[in-house]
């Protein structure tokens, strides 16, 4: 039983910027990361968008938020806002 409660802390966390409000209690969060180009070796910035659940409906466009992976909440939502 105690191992189940410890696994909750192992969920993925991402920090990103809210880029749009897509309906009630849903926001789109852009998470940027840097990686090396596989052929040329140059460092490039990539961005991935996640749909996140915002229970309080408090996040606004431009806010920096932390999201956590969770169970599927809809067809596209797999993340929720932590801060």
PDB file of N, CA and C in Angstrom:
ATOM      1  N   UNK A   1       0.822  -1.200   0.000  1.00  0.00           N
ATOM      2  CA  UNK A   1       0.000   0.000   0.000  1.00  0.00           C
ATOM      3  C   UNK A   1       0.859   1.255   0.000  1.00  0.00           C
ATOM      4  N   UNK A   2       1.941   1.248   0.749  1.00  0.00           N
ATOM      5  CA  UNK A   2       2.774   2.447   0.842  1.00  0.00           C
ATOM      6  C   UNK A   2       3.498   2.727  -0.477  1.00  0.00           C
ATOM      7  N   UNK A   3       3.750   1.700  -1.291  1.00  0.00           N
ATOM      8  CA  UNK A   3       4.426   1.940  -2.570  1.00  0.00           C
ATOM      9  C   UNK A   3       3.530   2.704  -3.536  1.00  0.00           C
ATOM     10  N   UNK A   4       2.224   2.517  -3.435  1.00  0.00           N
ATOM     11  CA  UNK A   4       1.304   3.238  -4.314  1.00  0.00           C
ATOM     12  C   UNK A   4       1.336   4.733  -4.046  1.00  0.00           C
ATOM     13  N   UNK A   5       1.444   5.132  -2.798  1.00  0.00           N
ATOM     14  CA  UNK A   5       1.467   6.554  -2.490  1.00  0.00           C
ATOM     15  C   UNK A   5       2.796   7.182  -2.897  1.00  0.00           C
ATOM     16  N   UNK A   6       3.877   6.426  -2.871  1.00  0.00           N
ATOM     17  CA  UNK A   6       5.179   6.954  -3.270  1.00  0.00           C
ATOM     18  C   UNK A   6       5.275   7.149  -4.778  1.00  0.00           C
ATOM     19  N   UNK A   7       4.568   6.350  -5.563  1.00  0.00           N
ATOM     20  CA  UNK A   7       4.629   6.466  -7.013  1.00  0.00           C
ATOM     21  C   UNK A   7       4.028   7.767  -7.518  1.00  0.00           C
ATOM     22  N   UNK A   8       3.160   8.397  -6.746  1.00  0.00           N
ATOM     23  CA  UNK A   8       2.545   9.642  -7.185  1.00  0.00           C
ATOM     24  C   UNK A   8       3.590  10.739  -7.367  1.00  0.00           C
ATOM     25  N   UNK A   9       4.654  10.709  -6.588  1.00  0.00           N
ATOM     26  CA  UNK A   9       5.706  11.708  -6.717  1.00  0.00           C
ATOM     27  C   UNK A   9       6.584  11.508  -7.930  1.00  0.00           C
ATOM     28  N   UNK A  10       6.436  10.366  -8.621  1.00  0.00           N
ATOM     29  CA  UNK A  10       7.274  10.060  -9.775  1.00  0.00           C
ATOM     30  C   UNK A  10       6.695  10.581 -11.085  1.00  0.00           C
ATOM     31  N   UNK A  11       5.599  11.317 -11.030  1.00  0.00           N
ATOM     32  CA  UNK A  11       4.959  11.792 -12.256  1.00  0.00           C
ATOM     33  C   UNK A  11       5.795  12.879 -12.921  1.00  0.00           C
ATOM     34  N   UNK A  12       5.656  12.975 -14.232  1.00  0.00           N
ATOM     35  CA  UNK A  12       6.420  13.960 -14.998  1.00  0.00           C
ATOM     36  C   UNK A  12       5.911  15.366 -14.701  1.00  0.00           C
ATOM     37  N   UNK A  13       6.847  16.300 -14.583  1.00  0.00           N
ATOM     38  CA  UNK A  13       6.519  17.709 -14.391  1.00  0.00           C
ATOM     39  C   UNK A  13       7.116  18.498 -15.543  1.00  0.00           C
ATOM     40  N   UNK A  14       6.405  19.490 -16.016  1.00  0.00           N
ATOM     41  CA  UNK A  14       6.889  20.383 -17.065  1.00  0.00           C
ATOM     42  C   UNK A  14       6.540  21.811 -16.687  1.00  0.00           C
ATOM     43  N   UNK A  15       7.387  22.758 -17.085  1.00  0.00           N
ATOM     44  CA  UNK A  15       7.116  24.174 -16.849  1.00  0.00           C
ATOM     45  C   UNK A  15       6.955  24.840 -18.198  1.00  0.00           C
ATOM     46  N   UNK A  16       5.893  25.629 -18.351  1.00  0.00           N
ATOM     47  CA  UNK A  16       5.633  26.260 -19.630  1.00  0.00           C
ATOM     48  C   UNK A  16       4.790  27.510 -19.495  1.00  0.00           C
ATOM     49  N   UNK A  17       4.432  28.066 -20.637  1.00  0.00           N
ATOM     50  CA  UNK A  17       3.673  29.314 -20.707  1.00  0.00           C
ATOM     51  C   UNK A  17       2.293  29.016 -21.286  1.00  0.00           C
ATOM     52  N   UNK A  18       1.265  29.576 -20.679  1.00  0.00           N
ATOM     53  CA  UNK A  18      -0.104  29.415 -21.183  1.00  0.00           C
ATOM     54  C   UNK A  18      -0.228  30.224 -22.467  1.00  0.00           C
ATOM     55  N   UNK A  19      -0.583  29.547 -23.567  1.00  0.00           N
ATOM     56  CA  UNK A  19      -0.700  30.230 -24.852  1.00  0.00           C
ATOM     57  C   UNK A  19      -2.145  30.451 -25.277  1.00  0.00           C
ATOM     58  N   UNK A  20      -3.082  29.674 -24.724  1.00  0.00           N
ATOM     59  CA  UNK A  20      -4.490  29.924 -25.046  1.00  0.00           C
ATOM     60  C   UNK A  20      -5.390  29.239 -24.033  1.00  0.00           C
ATOM     61  N   UNK A  21      -6.614  29.761 -23.942  1.00  0.00           N
ATOM     62  CA  UNK A  21      -7.657  29.146 -23.122  1.00  0.00           C
ATOM     63  C   UNK A  21      -8.580  28.440 -24.100  1.00  0.00           C
ATOM     64  N   UNK A  22      -8.641  27.126 -24.013  1.00  0.00           N
ATOM     65  CA  UNK A  22      -9.453  26.379 -24.967  1.00  0.00           C
ATOM     66  C   UNK A  22     -10.680  25.785 -24.290  1.00  0.00           C
ATOM     67  N   UNK A  23     -11.530  26.640 -23.786  1.00  0.00           N
ATOM     68  CA  UNK A  23     -12.765  26.167 -23.181  1.00  0.00           C
ATOM     69  C   UNK A  23     -12.721  26.285 -21.668  1.00  0.00           C
ATOM     70  N   UNK A  24     -13.766  25.790 -21.021  1.00  0.00           N
ATOM     71  CA  UNK A  24     -13.862  25.869 -19.577  1.00  0.00           C
ATOM     72  C   UNK A  24     -12.884  24.893 -18.935  1.00  0.00           C
ATOM     73  N   UNK A  25     -12.082  25.395 -18.015  1.00  0.00           N
ATOM     74  CA  UNK A  25     -11.129  24.608 -17.229  1.00  0.00           C
ATOM     75  C   UNK A  25     -10.056  23.915 -18.062  1.00  0.00           C
ATOM     76  N   UNK A  26      -9.782  24.423 -19.256  1.00  0.00           N
ATOM     77  CA  UNK A  26      -8.743  23.857 -20.107  1.00  0.00           C
ATOM     78  C   UNK A  26      -7.866  24.971 -20.647  1.00  0.00           C
ATOM     79  N   UNK A  27      -6.550  24.759 -20.591  1.00  0.00           N
ATOM     80  CA  UNK A  27      -5.596  25.709 -21.165  1.00  0.00           C
ATOM     81  C   UNK A  27      -4.597  24.936 -22.020  1.00  0.00           C
ATOM     82  N   UNK A  28      -4.000  25.648 -22.968  1.00  0.00           N
ATOM     83  CA  UNK A  28      -2.945  25.065 -23.775  1.00  0.00           C
ATOM     84  C   UNK A  28      -1.627  25.652 -23.283  1.00  0.00           C
ATOM     85  N   UNK A  29      -0.679  24.783 -22.933  1.00  0.00           N
ATOM     86  CA  UNK A  29       0.601  25.196 -22.359  1.00  0.00           C
ATOM     87  C   UNK A  29       1.713  24.842 -23.338  1.00  0.00           C
ATOM     88  N   UNK A  30       2.546  25.831 -23.690  1.00  0.00           N
ATOM     89  CA  UNK A  30       3.688  25.618 -24.577  1.00  0.00           C
ATOM     90  C   UNK A  30       4.922  25.377 -23.720  1.00  0.00           C
ATOM     91  N   UNK A  31       5.547  24.211 -23.896  1.00  0.00           N
ATOM     92  CA  UNK A  31       6.752  23.850 -23.159  1.00  0.00           C
ATOM     93  C   UNK A  31       7.906  23.838 -24.155  1.00  0.00           C
ATOM     94  N   UNK A  32       8.939  24.644 -23.884  1.00  0.00           N
ATOM     95  CA  UNK A  32      10.105  24.724 -24.762  1.00  0.00           C
ATOM     96  C   UNK A  32      11.264  23.956 -24.167  1.00  0.00           C
ATOM     97  N   UNK A  33      12.024  23.317 -25.029  1.00  0.00           N
ATOM     98  CA  UNK A  33      13.231  22.626 -24.596  1.00  0.00           C
ATOM     99  C   UNK A  33      14.282  22.758 -25.690  1.00  0.00           C
ATOM    100  N   UNK A  34      15.552  22.633 -25.293  1.00  0.00           N
ATOM    101  CA  UNK A  34      16.653  22.799 -26.232  1.00  0.00           C
ATOM    102  C   UNK A  34      17.331  21.453 -26.441  1.00  0.00           C
ATOM    103  N   UNK A  35      17.667  21.184 -27.699  1.00  0.00           N
ATOM    104  CA  UNK A  35      18.366  19.947 -28.008  1.00  0.00           C
ATOM    105  C   UNK A  35      19.332  20.172 -29.155  1.00  0.00           C
ATOM    106  N   UNK A  36      20.263  19.269 -29.280  1.00  0.00           N
ATOM    107  CA  UNK A  36      21.261  19.354 -30.333  1.00  0.00           C
ATOM    108  C   UNK A  36      20.705  18.744 -31.619  1.00  0.00           C
ATOM    109  N   UNK A  37      20.935  19.421 -32.749  1.00  0.00           N
ATOM    110  CA  UNK A  37      20.495  18.898 -34.038  1.00  0.00           C
ATOM    111  C   UNK A  37      21.265  17.614 -34.338  1.00  0.00           C
ATOM    112  N   UNK A  38      20.568  16.558 -34.799  1.00  0.00           N
ATOM    113  CA  UNK A  38      21.242  15.272 -34.965  1.00  0.00           C
ATOM    114  C   UNK A  38      22.350  15.264 -36.032  1.00  0.00           C
ATOM    115  N   UNK A  39      22.251  16.109 -37.038  1.00  0.00           N
ATOM    116  CA  UNK A  39      23.244  16.112 -38.117  1.00  0.00           C
ATOM    117  C   UNK A  39      24.246  17.250 -37.957  1.00  0.00           C
ATOM    118  N   UNK A  40      23.735  18.467 -37.729  1.00  0.00           N
ATOM    119  CA  UNK A  40      24.602  19.636 -37.756  1.00  0.00           C
ATOM    120  C   UNK A  40      25.169  20.003 -36.396  1.00  0.00           C
ATOM    121  N   UNK A  41      24.598  19.503 -35.322  1.00  0.00           N
ATOM    122  CA  UNK A  41      25.143  19.754 -33.996  1.00  0.00           C
ATOM    123  C   UNK A  41      24.755  21.077 -33.381  1.00  0.00           C
ATOM    124  N   UNK A  42      24.016  21.899 -34.088  1.00  0.00           N
ATOM    125  CA  UNK A  42      23.605  23.197 -33.554  1.00  0.00           C
ATOM    126  C   UNK A  42      22.506  22.999 -32.509  1.00  0.00           C
ATOM    127  N   UNK A  43      22.527  23.813 -31.456  1.00  0.00           N
ATOM    128  CA  UNK A  43      21.493  23.760 -30.430  1.00  0.00           C
ATOM    129  C   UNK A  43      20.257  24.474 -30.964  1.00  0.00           C
ATOM    130  N   UNK A  44      19.120  23.767 -30.958  1.00  0.00           N
ATOM    131  CA  UNK A  44      17.876  24.353 -31.446  1.00  0.00           C
ATOM    132  C   UNK A  44      16.817  24.277 -30.356  1.00  0.00           C
ATOM    133  N   UNK A  45      15.870  25.201 -30.398  1.00  0.00           N
ATOM    134  CA  UNK A  45      14.776  25.236 -29.430  1.00  0.00           C
ATOM    135  C   UNK A  45      13.541  24.622 -30.058  1.00  0.00           C
ATOM    136  N   UNK A  46      12.982  23.640 -29.372  1.00  0.00           N
ATOM    137  CA  UNK A  46      11.753  23.000 -29.824  1.00  0.00           C
ATOM    138  C   UNK A  46      10.645  23.346 -28.845  1.00  0.00           C
ATOM    139  N   UNK A  47       9.408  23.382 -29.313  1.00  0.00           N
ATOM    140  CA  UNK A  47       8.256  23.686 -28.473  1.00  0.00           C
ATOM    141  C   UNK A  47       7.194  22.622 -28.668  1.00  0.00           C
ATOM    142  N   UNK A  48       6.625  22.182 -27.561  1.00  0.00           N
ATOM    143  CA  UNK A  48       5.538  21.211 -27.610  1.00  0.00           C
ATOM    144  C   UNK A  48       4.373  21.777 -26.816  1.00  0.00           C
ATOM    145  N   UNK A  49       3.162  21.624 -27.353  1.00  0.00           N
ATOM    146  CA  UNK A  49       1.962  22.127 -26.689  1.00  0.00           C
ATOM    147  C   UNK A  49       1.225  20.992 -25.996  1.00  0.00           C
ATOM    148  N   UNK A  50       0.791  21.263 -24.761  1.00  0.00           N
ATOM    149  CA  UNK A  50       0.028  20.299 -23.986  1.00  0.00           C
ATOM    150  C   UNK A  50      -1.307  20.923 -23.588  1.00  0.00           C
ATOM    151  N   UNK A  51      -2.380  20.150 -23.616  1.00  0.00           N
ATOM    152  CA  UNK A  51      -3.666  20.581 -23.068  1.00  0.00           C
ATOM    153  C   UNK A  51      -3.664  20.188 -21.600  1.00  0.00           C
ATOM    154  N   UNK A  52      -3.934  21.155 -20.720  1.00  0.00           N
ATOM    155  CA  UNK A  52      -3.878  20.907 -19.283  1.00  0.00           C
ATOM    156  C   UNK A  52      -5.193  21.303 -18.630  1.00  0.00           C
ATOM    157  N   UNK A  53      -5.529  20.590 -17.560  1.00  0.00           N
ATOM    158  CA  UNK A  53      -6.750  20.850 -16.806  1.00  0.00           C
ATOM    159  C   UNK A  53      -6.467  21.910 -15.743  1.00  0.00           C
ATOM    160  N   UNK A  54      -7.284  22.948 -15.713  1.00  0.00           N
ATOM    161  CA  UNK A  54      -7.153  24.034 -14.744  1.00  0.00           C
ATOM    162  C   UNK A  54      -8.429  24.066 -13.915  1.00  0.00           C
ATOM    163  N   UNK A  55      -8.422  23.369 -12.782  1.00  0.00           N
ATOM    164  CA  UNK A  55      -9.630  23.222 -11.962  1.00  0.00           C
ATOM    165  C   UNK A  55     -10.172  24.563 -11.497  1.00  0.00           C
ATOM    166  N   UNK A  56      -9.289  25.474 -11.073  1.00  0.00           N
ATOM    167  CA  UNK A  56      -9.735  26.769 -10.565  1.00  0.00           C
ATOM    168  C   UNK A  56     -10.073  27.745 -11.686  1.00  0.00           C
ATOM    169  N   UNK A  57      -9.712  27.410 -12.918  1.00  0.00           N
ATOM    170  CA  UNK A  57      -9.928  28.286 -14.077  1.00  0.00           C
ATOM    171  C   UNK A  57      -9.292  29.649 -13.853  1.00  0.00           C
ATOM    172  N   UNK A  58      -8.083  29.653 -13.258  1.00  0.00           N
ATOM    173  CA  UNK A  58      -7.414  30.891 -12.866  1.00  0.00           C
ATOM    174  C   UNK A  58      -6.290  31.291 -13.812  1.00  0.00           C
ATOM    175  N   UNK A  59      -5.755  30.372 -14.591  1.00  0.00           N
ATOM    176  CA  UNK A  59      -4.617  30.686 -15.458  1.00  0.00           C
ATOM    177  C   UNK A  59      -5.053  31.577 -16.614  1.00  0.00           C
ATOM    178  N   UNK A  60      -4.210  32.558 -16.917  1.00  0.00           N
ATOM    179  CA  UNK A  60      -4.468  33.484 -18.016  1.00  0.00           C
ATOM    180  C   UNK A  60      -3.371  33.318 -19.057  1.00  0.00           C
ATOM    181  N   UNK A  61      -3.617  33.802 -20.259  1.00  0.00           N
ATOM    182  CA  UNK A  61      -2.623  33.732 -21.327  1.00  0.00           C
ATOM    183  C   UNK A  61      -1.387  34.514 -20.903  1.00  0.00           C
ATOM    184  N   UNK A  62      -0.216  33.879 -21.035  1.00  0.00           N
ATOM    185  CA  UNK A  62       1.048  34.508 -20.665  1.00  0.00           C
ATOM    186  C   UNK A  62       1.569  34.078 -19.310  1.00  0.00           C
ATOM    187  N   UNK A  63       0.753  33.408 -18.494  1.00  0.00           N
ATOM    188  CA  UNK A  63       1.205  32.941 -17.180  1.00  0.00           C
ATOM    189  C   UNK A  63       2.195  31.786 -17.328  1.00  0.00           C
ATOM    190  N   UNK A  64       3.187  31.746 -16.443  1.00  0.00           N
ATOM    191  CA  UNK A  64       4.109  30.617 -16.377  1.00  0.00           C
ATOM    192  C   UNK A  64       3.546  29.627 -15.372  1.00  0.00           C
ATOM    193  N   UNK A  65       3.324  28.386 -15.806  1.00  0.00           N
ATOM    194  CA  UNK A  65       2.693  27.374 -14.956  1.00  0.00           C
ATOM    195  C   UNK A  65       3.528  26.097 -14.950  1.00  0.00           C
ATOM    196  N   UNK A  66       3.312  25.290 -13.916  1.00  0.00           N
ATOM    197  CA  UNK A  66       3.896  23.958 -13.838  1.00  0.00           C
ATOM    198  C   UNK A  66       2.762  22.959 -14.007  1.00  0.00           C
ATOM    199  N   UNK A  67       2.955  21.987 -14.901  1.00  0.00           N
ATOM    200  CA  UNK A  67       1.932  20.983 -15.140  1.00  0.00           C
ATOM    201  C   UNK A  67       2.465  19.603 -14.753  1.00  0.00           C
ATOM    202  N   UNK A  68       1.542  18.734 -14.360  1.00  0.00           N
ATOM    203  CA  UNK A  68       1.894  17.374 -13.933  1.00  0.00           C
ATOM    204  C   UNK A  68       1.094  16.365 -14.745  1.00  0.00           C
ATOM    205  N   UNK A  69       1.738  15.284 -15.114  1.00  0.00           N
ATOM    206  CA  UNK A  69       1.068  14.221 -15.850  1.00  0.00           C
ATOM    207  C   UNK A  69       0.009  13.559 -14.971  1.00  0.00           C
ATOM    208  N   UNK A  70      -1.127  13.216 -15.565  1.00  0.00           N
ATOM    209  CA  UNK A  70      -2.220  12.610 -14.820  1.00  0.00           C
ATOM    210  C   UNK A  70      -2.956  11.609 -15.721  1.00  0.00           C
ATOM    211  N   UNK A  71      -4.001  11.013 -15.196  1.00  0.00           N
ATOM    212  CA  UNK A  71      -4.794  10.075 -15.995  1.00  0.00           C
ATOM    213  C   UNK A  71      -5.495  10.835 -17.126  1.00  0.00           C
ATOM    214  N   UNK A  72      -5.919  10.149 -18.172  1.00  0.00           N
ATOM    215  CA  UNK A  72      -6.636  10.836 -19.249  1.00  0.00           C
ATOM    216  C   UNK A  72      -7.926  11.476 -18.742  1.00  0.00           C
ATOM    217  N   UNK A  73      -8.051  12.778 -18.983  1.00  0.00           N
ATOM    218  CA  UNK A  73      -9.235  13.512 -18.554  1.00  0.00           C
ATOM    219  C   UNK A  73     -10.205  13.750 -19.709  1.00  0.00           C
ATOM    220  N   UNK A  74      -9.685  13.721 -20.938  1.00  0.00           N
ATOM    221  CA  UNK A  74     -10.523  13.836 -22.130  1.00  0.00           C
ATOM    222  C   UNK A  74      -9.718  13.241 -23.286  1.00  0.00           C
ATOM    223  N   UNK A  75     -10.162  13.486 -24.501  1.00  0.00           N
ATOM    224  CA  UNK A  75      -9.469  12.935 -25.667  1.00  0.00           C
ATOM    225  C   UNK A  75      -8.047  13.477 -25.803  1.00  0.00           C
ATOM    226  N   UNK A  76      -7.818  14.720 -25.369  1.00  0.00           N
ATOM    227  CA  UNK A  76      -6.488  15.322 -25.524  1.00  0.00           C
ATOM    228  C   UNK A  76      -5.825  15.699 -24.203  1.00  0.00           C
ATOM    229  N   UNK A  77      -6.585  15.814 -23.116  1.00  0.00           N
ATOM    230  CA  UNK A  77      -6.022  16.262 -21.837  1.00  0.00           C
ATOM    231  C   UNK A  77      -5.406  15.103 -21.059  1.00  0.00           C
ATOM    232  N   UNK A  78      -4.086  15.222 -20.782  1.00  0.00           N
ATOM    233  CA  UNK A  78      -3.380  14.227 -19.980  1.00  0.00           C
ATOM    234  C   UNK A  78      -2.555  14.904 -18.882  1.00  0.00           C
ATOM    235  N   UNK A  79      -2.716  16.202 -18.713  1.00  0.00           N
ATOM    236  CA  UNK A  79      -1.918  16.984 -17.770  1.00  0.00           C
ATOM    237  C   UNK A  79      -2.840  17.857 -16.941  1.00  0.00           C
ATOM    238  N   UNK A  80      -2.387  18.259 -15.740  1.00  0.00           N
ATOM    239  CA  UNK A  80      -3.142  19.207 -14.923  1.00  0.00           C
ATOM    240  C   UNK A  80      -2.170  20.232 -14.366  1.00  0.00           C
ATOM    241  N   UNK A  81      -2.700  21.427 -14.059  1.00  0.00           N
ATOM    242  CA  UNK A  81      -1.876  22.518 -13.550  1.00  0.00           C
ATOM    243  C   UNK A  81      -1.636  22.303 -12.062  1.00  0.00           C
ATOM    244  N   UNK A  82      -0.356  22.408 -11.664  1.00  0.00           N
ATOM    245  CA  UNK A  82       0.016  22.281 -10.255  1.00  0.00           C
ATOM    246  C   UNK A  82       0.167  23.664  -9.639  1.00  0.00           C
ATOM    247  N   UNK A  83       0.921  24.549 -10.289  1.00  0.00           N
ATOM    248  CA  UNK A  83       1.126  25.921  -9.802  1.00  0.00           C
ATOM    249  C   UNK A  83       0.867  26.902 -10.915  1.00  0.00           C
TER     250      UNK A  83
END
